[in-house]
Amino acid sequence: MTDAVEYIQSPLCQDFSAEGLTVSIDIYRTEDSDWILEIVDADNNSTVWEDHFETDTAALEEALDALKQEGIHAFVGSFS
């Protein structure tokens, strides 16, 4: 028997658009974990941070900073 893990979605989740592209900033956690940051493109390719965040605000700040510093193209497309 396996217990399903329930995720708590942050109210700070949002879409980010630049240069004609849009990604989703997903911030979530389990009841027993810190916040997880994931950026997902329109084709469902995702980038997940290895480090977790104490607050959802810190995760959002990291996402927006990464998108500004690296550009949205760094988070769009297949990474295989």
PDB file of N, CA and C in Angstrom:
ATOM      1  N   MET A   1       0.839  -1.174   0.000  1.00  0.00           N
ATOM      2  CA  MET A   1       0.000   0.000   0.000  1.00  0.00           C
ATOM      3  C   MET A   1       0.889   1.245   0.000  1.00  0.00           C
ATOM      4  N   THR A   2       0.601   2.170  -0.898  1.00  0.00           N
ATOM      5  CA  THR A   2       1.377   3.397  -0.959  1.00  0.00           C
ATOM      6  C   THR A   2       0.487   4.574  -0.592  1.00  0.00           C
ATOM      7  N   ASP A   3       1.072   5.481   0.157  1.00  0.00           N
ATOM      8  CA  ASP A   3       0.363   6.697   0.507  1.00  0.00           C
ATOM      9  C   ASP A   3       0.645   7.743  -0.555  1.00  0.00           C
ATOM     10  N   ALA A   4      -0.398   8.384  -1.039  1.00  0.00           N
ATOM     11  CA  ALA A   4      -0.223   9.442  -2.026  1.00  0.00           C
ATOM     12  C   ALA A   4       0.319  10.690  -1.333  1.00  0.00           C
ATOM     13  N   VAL A   5       1.296  11.297  -1.959  1.00  0.00           N
ATOM     14  CA  VAL A   5       1.868  12.520  -1.425  1.00  0.00           C
ATOM     15  C   VAL A   5       0.988  13.688  -1.855  1.00  0.00           C
ATOM     16  N   GLU A   6       0.608  14.506  -0.915  1.00  0.00           N
ATOM     17  CA  GLU A   6      -0.200  15.680  -1.233  1.00  0.00           C
ATOM     18  C   GLU A   6       0.698  16.908  -1.258  1.00  0.00           C
ATOM     19  N   TYR A   7       0.587  17.666  -2.345  1.00  0.00           N
ATOM     20  CA  TYR A   7       1.393  18.870  -2.502  1.00  0.00           C
ATOM     21  C   TYR A   7       0.556  20.101  -2.175  1.00  0.00           C
ATOM     22  N   ILE A   8       1.202  21.051  -1.538  1.00  0.00           N
ATOM     23  CA  ILE A   8       0.585  22.331  -1.214  1.00  0.00           C
ATOM     24  C   ILE A   8       1.120  23.341  -2.218  1.00  0.00           C
ATOM     25  N   GLN A   9       0.235  23.916  -3.007  1.00  0.00           N
ATOM     26  CA  GLN A   9       0.612  24.875  -4.038  1.00  0.00           C
ATOM     27  C   GLN A   9       0.681  26.275  -3.428  1.00  0.00           C
ATOM     28  N   SER A  10       1.724  27.015  -3.740  1.00  0.00           N
ATOM     29  CA  SER A  10       1.858  28.387  -3.264  1.00  0.00           C
ATOM     30  C   SER A  10       0.922  29.308  -4.036  1.00  0.00           C
ATOM     31  N   PRO A  11       0.356  30.287  -3.350  1.00  0.00           N
ATOM     32  CA  PRO A  11      -0.447  31.288  -4.064  1.00  0.00           C
ATOM     33  C   PRO A  11       0.419  32.217  -4.925  1.00  0.00           C
ATOM     34  N   LEU A  12       1.741  32.100  -4.813  1.00  0.00           N
ATOM     35  CA  LEU A  12       2.653  32.935  -5.596  1.00  0.00           C
ATOM     36  C   LEU A  12       2.967  32.352  -6.975  1.00  0.00           C
ATOM     37  N   CYS A  13       2.460  31.152  -7.279  1.00  0.00           N
ATOM     38  CA  CYS A  13       2.667  30.564  -8.603  1.00  0.00           C
ATOM     39  C   CYS A  13       2.122  31.528  -9.653  1.00  0.00           C
ATOM     40  N   GLN A  14       2.837  31.615 -10.767  1.00  0.00           N
ATOM     41  CA  GLN A  14       2.411  32.553 -11.799  1.00  0.00           C
ATOM     42  C   GLN A  14       3.069  32.230 -13.123  1.00  0.00           C
ATOM     43  N   ASP A  15       2.516  32.811 -14.185  1.00  0.00           N
ATOM     44  CA  ASP A  15       3.132  32.729 -15.497  1.00  0.00           C
ATOM     45  C   ASP A  15       4.071  33.916 -15.665  1.00  0.00           C
ATOM     46  N   PHE A  16       5.134  33.695 -16.432  1.00  0.00           N
ATOM     47  CA  PHE A  16       6.105  34.745 -16.738  1.00  0.00           C
ATOM     48  C   PHE A  16       6.285  34.759 -18.240  1.00  0.00           C
ATOM     49  N   SER A  17       6.160  35.936 -18.845  1.00  0.00           N
ATOM     50  CA  SER A  17       6.300  36.062 -20.295  1.00  0.00           C
ATOM     51  C   SER A  17       7.385  37.059 -20.643  1.00  0.00           C
ATOM     52  N   ALA A  18       8.139  36.719 -21.672  1.00  0.00           N
ATOM     53  CA  ALA A  18       9.170  37.612 -22.210  1.00  0.00           C
ATOM     54  C   ALA A  18       9.523  37.127 -23.612  1.00  0.00           C
ATOM     55  N   GLU A  19       9.852  38.052 -24.477  1.00  0.00           N
ATOM     56  CA  GLU A  19      10.319  37.723 -25.828  1.00  0.00           C
ATOM     57  C   GLU A  19       9.366  36.780 -26.561  1.00  0.00           C
ATOM     58  N   GLY A  20       8.073  36.924 -26.327  1.00  0.00           N
ATOM     59  CA  GLY A  20       7.068  36.111 -26.999  1.00  0.00           C
ATOM     60  C   GLY A  20       6.919  34.707 -26.451  1.00  0.00           C
ATOM     61  N   LEU A  21       7.581  34.393 -25.344  1.00  0.00           N
ATOM     62  CA  LEU A  21       7.512  33.072 -24.725  1.00  0.00           C
ATOM     63  C   LEU A  21       6.911  33.186 -23.330  1.00  0.00           C
ATOM     64  N   THR A  22       6.298  32.106 -22.869  1.00  0.00           N
ATOM     65  CA  THR A  22       5.715  32.074 -21.524  1.00  0.00           C
ATOM     66  C   THR A  22       6.117  30.792 -20.825  1.00  0.00           C
ATOM     67  N   VAL A  23       6.478  30.922 -19.554  1.00  0.00           N
ATOM     68  CA  VAL A  23       6.749  29.770 -18.696  1.00  0.00           C
ATOM     69  C   VAL A  23       5.899  29.912 -17.438  1.00  0.00           C
ATOM     70  N   SER A  24       5.677  28.804 -16.774  1.00  0.00           N
ATOM     71  CA  SER A  24       4.965  28.809 -15.502  1.00  0.00           C
ATOM     72  C   SER A  24       5.974  28.658 -14.375  1.00  0.00           C
ATOM     73  N   ILE A  25       5.842  29.492 -13.377  1.00  0.00           N
ATOM     74  CA  ILE A  25       6.647  29.376 -12.168  1.00  0.00           C
ATOM     75  C   ILE A  25       5.797  28.625 -11.160  1.00  0.00           C
ATOM     76  N   ASP A  26       6.194  27.396 -10.864  1.00  0.00           N
ATOM     77  CA  ASP A  26       5.467  26.553  -9.919  1.00  0.00           C
ATOM     78  C   ASP A  26       6.255  26.465  -8.622  1.00  0.00           C
ATOM     79  N   ILE A  27       5.577  26.734  -7.517  1.00  0.00           N
ATOM     80  CA  ILE A  27       6.182  26.683  -6.194  1.00  0.00           C
ATOM     81  C   ILE A  27       5.267  25.824  -5.337  1.00  0.00           C
ATOM     82  N   TYR A  28       5.810  24.745  -4.774  1.00  0.00           N
ATOM     83  CA  TYR A  28       4.983  23.824  -4.012  1.00  0.00           C
ATOM     84  C   TYR A  28       5.819  23.116  -2.957  1.00  0.00           C
ATOM     85  N   ARG A  29       5.149  22.473  -2.036  1.00  0.00           N
ATOM     86  CA  ARG A  29       5.826  21.717  -0.989  1.00  0.00           C
ATOM     87  C   ARG A  29       4.903  20.627  -0.486  1.00  0.00           C
ATOM     88  N   THR A  30       5.474  19.705   0.260  1.00  0.00           N
ATOM     89  CA  THR A  30       4.657  18.754   0.997  1.00  0.00           C
ATOM     90  C   THR A  30       4.508  19.304   2.409  1.00  0.00           C
ATOM     91  N   GLU A  31       3.699  18.661   3.194  1.00  0.00           N
ATOM     92  CA  GLU A  31       3.499  19.105   4.565  1.00  0.00           C
ATOM     93  C   GLU A  31       4.801  19.089   5.359  1.00  0.00           C
ATOM     94  N   ASP A  32       5.729  18.201   4.968  1.00  0.00           N
ATOM     95  CA  ASP A  32       6.972  18.013   5.709  1.00  0.00           C
ATOM     96  C   ASP A  32       8.216  18.558   5.010  1.00  0.00           C
ATOM     97  N   SER A  33       8.061  19.347   3.955  1.00  0.00           N
ATOM     98  CA  SER A  33       9.240  19.821   3.227  1.00  0.00           C
ATOM     99  C   SER A  33       9.239  21.332   3.083  1.00  0.00           C
ATOM    100  N   ASP A  34      10.406  21.850   2.686  1.00  0.00           N
ATOM    101  CA  ASP A  34      10.495  23.255   2.310  1.00  0.00           C
ATOM    102  C   ASP A  34       9.923  23.406   0.904  1.00  0.00           C
ATOM    103  N   TRP A  35       9.908  24.634   0.419  1.00  0.00           N
ATOM    104  CA  TRP A  35       9.317  24.931  -0.886  1.00  0.00           C
ATOM    105  C   TRP A  35      10.211  24.465  -2.029  1.00  0.00           C
ATOM    106  N   ILE A  36       9.591  23.902  -3.048  1.00  0.00           N
ATOM    107  CA  ILE A  36      10.259  23.412  -4.251  1.00  0.00           C
ATOM    108  C   ILE A  36       9.933  24.391  -5.378  1.00  0.00           C
ATOM    109  N   LEU A  37      10.942  24.728  -6.165  1.00  0.00           N
ATOM    110  CA  LEU A  37      10.772  25.647  -7.292  1.00  0.00           C
ATOM    111  C   LEU A  37      10.939  24.894  -8.598  1.00  0.00           C
ATOM    112  N   GLU A  38       9.994  25.120  -9.497  1.00  0.00           N
ATOM    113  CA  GLU A  38      10.025  24.483 -10.814  1.00  0.00           C
ATOM    114  C   GLU A  38       9.546  25.493 -11.849  1.00  0.00           C
ATOM    115  N   ILE A  39      10.261  25.582 -12.953  1.00  0.00           N
ATOM    116  CA  ILE A  39       9.816  26.404 -14.083  1.00  0.00           C
ATOM    117  C   ILE A  39       9.475  25.456 -15.222  1.00  0.00           C
ATOM    118  N   VAL A  40       8.265  25.621 -15.774  1.00  0.00           N
ATOM    119  CA  VAL A  40       7.745  24.706 -16.794  1.00  0.00           C
ATOM    120  C   VAL A  40       7.392  25.497 -18.051  1.00  0.00           C
ATOM    121  N   ASP A  41       7.861  25.008 -19.216  1.00  0.00           N
ATOM    122  CA  ASP A  41       7.537  25.698 -20.464  1.00  0.00           C
ATOM    123  C   ASP A  41       6.241  25.152 -21.066  1.00  0.00           C
ATOM    124  N   ALA A  42       5.852  25.696 -22.202  1.00  0.00           N
ATOM    125  CA  ALA A  42       4.588  25.341 -22.849  1.00  0.00           C
ATOM    126  C   ALA A  42       4.539  23.880 -23.294  1.00  0.00           C
ATOM    127  N   ASP A  43       5.707  23.253 -23.513  1.00  0.00           N
ATOM    128  CA  ASP A  43       5.757  21.849 -23.926  1.00  0.00           C
ATOM    129  C   ASP A  43       5.941  20.902 -22.739  1.00  0.00           C
ATOM    130  N   ASN A  44       5.788  21.428 -21.537  1.00  0.00           N
ATOM    131  CA  ASN A  44       5.884  20.659 -20.293  1.00  0.00           C
ATOM    132  C   ASN A  44       7.316  20.229 -19.953  1.00  0.00           C
ATOM    133  N   ASN A  45       8.315  20.877 -20.555  1.00  0.00           N
ATOM    134  CA  ASN A  45       9.705  20.679 -20.127  1.00  0.00           C
ATOM    135  C   ASN A  45       9.877  21.467 -18.836  1.00  0.00           C
ATOM    136  N   SER A  46      10.599  20.895 -17.888  1.00  0.00           N
ATOM    137  CA  SER A  46      10.717  21.601 -16.620  1.00  0.00           C
ATOM    138  C   SER A  46      12.153  21.670 -16.122  1.00  0.00           C
ATOM    139  N   THR A  47      12.400  22.709 -15.348  1.00  0.00           N
ATOM    140  CA  THR A  47      13.654  22.898 -14.636  1.00  0.00           C
ATOM    141  C   THR A  47      13.297  22.955 -13.161  1.00  0.00           C
ATOM    142  N   VAL A  48      13.860  22.036 -12.381  1.00  0.00           N
ATOM    143  CA  VAL A  48      13.573  21.978 -10.949  1.00  0.00           C
ATOM    144  C   VAL A  48      14.860  22.291 -10.197  1.00  0.00           C
ATOM    145  N   TRP A  49      14.779  23.190  -9.260  1.00  0.00           N
ATOM    146  CA  TRP A  49      15.937  23.533  -8.435  1.00  0.00           C
ATOM    147  C   TRP A  49      16.214  22.396  -7.464  1.00  0.00           C
ATOM    148  N   GLU A  50      17.489  22.059  -7.308  1.00  0.00           N
ATOM    149  CA  GLU A  50      17.877  21.026  -6.348  1.00  0.00           C
ATOM    150  C   GLU A  50      17.712  21.508  -4.921  1.00  0.00           C
ATOM    151  N   ASP A  51      18.038  22.777  -4.684  1.00  0.00           N
ATOM    152  CA  ASP A  51      17.885  23.352  -3.348  1.00  0.00           C
ATOM    153  C   ASP A  51      16.435  23.735  -3.122  1.00  0.00           C
ATOM    154  N   HIS A  52      15.979  23.556  -1.912  1.00  0.00           N
ATOM    155  CA  HIS A  52      14.625  23.962  -1.548  1.00  0.00           C
ATOM    156  C   HIS A  52      14.692  25.268  -0.784  1.00  0.00           C
ATOM    157  N   PHE A  53      13.561  25.928  -0.612  1.00  0.00           N
ATOM    158  CA  PHE A  53      13.503  27.261  -0.041  1.00  0.00           C
ATOM    159  C   PHE A  53      12.637  27.265   1.216  1.00  0.00           C
ATOM    160  N   GLU A  54      13.061  28.056   2.200  1.00  0.00           N
ATOM    161  CA  GLU A  54      12.304  28.133   3.449  1.00  0.00           C
ATOM    162  C   GLU A  54      10.950  28.800   3.252  1.00  0.00           C
ATOM    163  N   THR A  55      10.884  29.770   2.329  1.00  0.00           N
ATOM    164  CA  THR A  55       9.624  30.460   2.071  1.00  0.00           C
ATOM    165  C   THR A  55       9.299  30.431   0.587  1.00  0.00           C
ATOM    166  N   ASP A  56       8.016  30.538   0.270  1.00  0.00           N
ATOM    167  CA  ASP A  56       7.624  30.600  -1.131  1.00  0.00           C
ATOM    168  C   ASP A  56       8.050  31.927  -1.753  1.00  0.00           C
ATOM    169  N   THR A  57       8.149  32.971  -0.945  1.00  0.00           N
ATOM    170  CA  THR A  57       8.622  34.260  -1.436  1.00  0.00           C
ATOM    171  C   THR A  57      10.072  34.162  -1.908  1.00  0.00           C
ATOM    172  N   ALA A  58      10.910  33.467  -1.154  1.00  0.00           N
ATOM    173  CA  ALA A  58      12.309  33.274  -1.553  1.00  0.00           C
ATOM    174  C   ALA A  58      12.396  32.481  -2.850  1.00  0.00           C
ATOM    175  N   ALA A  59      11.539  31.488  -3.015  1.00  0.00           N
ATOM    176  CA  ALA A  59      11.527  30.699  -4.252  1.00  0.00           C
ATOM    177  C   ALA A  59      11.127  31.563  -5.442  1.00  0.00           C
ATOM    178  N   LEU A  60      10.101  32.397  -5.265  1.00  0.00           N
ATOM    179  CA  LEU A  60       9.676  33.275  -6.354  1.00  0.00           C
ATOM    180  C   LEU A  60      10.779  34.262  -6.710  1.00  0.00           C
ATOM    181  N   GLU A  61      11.424  34.842  -5.721  1.00  0.00           N
ATOM    182  CA  GLU A  61      12.521  35.771  -5.981  1.00  0.00           C
ATOM    183  C   GLU A  61      13.642  35.098  -6.764  1.00  0.00           C
ATOM    184  N   GLU A  62      13.965  33.858  -6.420  1.00  0.00           N
ATOM    185  CA  GLU A  62      14.989  33.098  -7.138  1.00  0.00           C
ATOM    186  C   GLU A  62      14.580  32.867  -8.593  1.00  0.00           C
ATOM    187  N   ALA A  63      13.324  32.506  -8.817  1.00  0.00           N
ATOM    188  CA  ALA A  63      12.838  32.260 -10.176  1.00  0.00           C
ATOM    189  C   ALA A  63      12.922  33.526 -11.020  1.00  0.00           C
ATOM    190  N   LEU A  64      12.432  34.629 -10.488  1.00  0.00           N
ATOM    191  CA  LEU A  64      12.441  35.882 -11.242  1.00  0.00           C
ATOM    192  C   LEU A  64      13.861  36.352 -11.500  1.00  0.00           C
ATOM    193  N   ASP A  65      14.746  36.169 -10.540  1.00  0.00           N
ATOM    194  CA  ASP A  65      16.152  36.534 -10.724  1.00  0.00           C
ATOM    195  C   ASP A  65      16.801  35.669 -11.802  1.00  0.00           C
ATOM    196  N   ALA A  66      16.544  34.362 -11.767  1.00  0.00           N
ATOM    197  CA  ALA A  66      17.114  33.454 -12.771  1.00  0.00           C
ATOM    198  C   ALA A  66      16.597  33.792 -14.171  1.00  0.00           C
ATOM    199  N   LEU A  67      15.312  34.089 -14.279  1.00  0.00           N
ATOM    200  CA  LEU A  67      14.744  34.446 -15.581  1.00  0.00           C
ATOM    201  C   LEU A  67      15.350  35.754 -16.093  1.00  0.00           C
ATOM    202  N   LYS A  68      15.599  36.684 -15.192  1.00  0.00           N
ATOM    203  CA  LYS A  68      16.203  37.955 -15.586  1.00  0.00           C
ATOM    204  C   LYS A  68      17.669  37.762 -15.978  1.00  0.00           C
ATOM    205  N   GLN A  69      18.420  37.007 -15.171  1.00  0.00           N
ATOM    206  CA  GLN A  69      19.850  36.835 -15.400  1.00  0.00           C
ATOM    207  C   GLN A  69      20.148  35.922 -16.602  1.00  0.00           C
ATOM    208  N   GLU A  70      19.438  34.811 -16.698  1.00  0.00           N
ATOM    209  CA  GLU A  70      19.726  33.808 -17.734  1.00  0.00           C
ATOM    210  C   GLU A  70      18.879  33.977 -18.986  1.00  0.00           C
ATOM    211  N   GLY A  71      17.753  34.675 -18.854  1.00  0.00           N
ATOM    212  CA  GLY A  71      16.831  34.849 -19.968  1.00  0.00           C
ATOM    213  C   GLY A  71      15.849  33.694 -20.051  1.00  0.00           C
ATOM    214  N   ILE A  72      14.696  33.976 -20.590  1.00  0.00           N
ATOM    215  CA  ILE A  72      13.634  32.966 -20.655  1.00  0.00           C
ATOM    216  C   ILE A  72      14.016  31.792 -21.549  1.00  0.00           C
ATOM    217  N   HIS A  73      14.859  32.034 -22.552  1.00  0.00           N
ATOM    218  CA  HIS A  73      15.248  30.949 -23.464  1.00  0.00           C
ATOM    219  C   HIS A  73      15.987  29.823 -22.743  1.00  0.00           C
ATOM    220  N   ALA A  74      16.625  30.133 -21.628  1.00  0.00           N
ATOM    221  CA  ALA A  74      17.337  29.098 -20.854  1.00  0.00           C
ATOM    222  C   ALA A  74      16.368  28.095 -20.230  1.00  0.00           C
ATOM    223  N   PHE A  75      15.091  28.440 -20.192  1.00  0.00           N
ATOM    224  CA  PHE A  75      14.104  27.593 -19.533  1.00  0.00           C
ATOM    225  C   PHE A  75      13.042  27.062 -20.505  1.00  0.00           C
ATOM    226  N   VAL A  76      13.308  27.196 -21.790  1.00  0.00           N
ATOM    227  CA  VAL A  76      12.354  26.747 -22.813  1.00  0.00           C
ATOM    228  C   VAL A  76      13.046  25.727 -23.697  1.00  0.00           C
ATOM    229  N   GLY A  77      12.362  24.619 -23.952  1.00  0.00           N
ATOM    230  CA  GLY A  77      12.872  23.607 -24.867  1.00  0.00           C
ATOM    231  C   GLY A  77      13.311  22.350 -24.175  1.00  0.00           C
ATOM    232  N   SER A  78      13.635  21.369 -24.968  1.00  0.00           N
ATOM    233  CA  SER A  78      14.071  20.066 -24.466  1.00  0.00           C
ATOM    234  C   SER A  78      15.506  20.145 -23.983  1.00  0.00           C
ATOM    235  N   PHE A  79      15.779  19.494 -22.857  1.00  0.00           N
ATOM    236  CA  PHE A  79      17.115  19.537 -22.270  1.00  0.00           C
ATOM    237  C   PHE A  79      17.815  18.194 -22.323  1.00  0.00           C
ATOM    238  N   SER A  80      17.340  17.286 -23.153  1.00  0.00           N
ATOM    239  CA  SER A  80      17.959  15.951 -23.209  1.00  0.00           C
ATOM    240  C   SER A  80      19.128  15.928 -24.145  1.00  0.00           C
TER     241      SER A  80
END
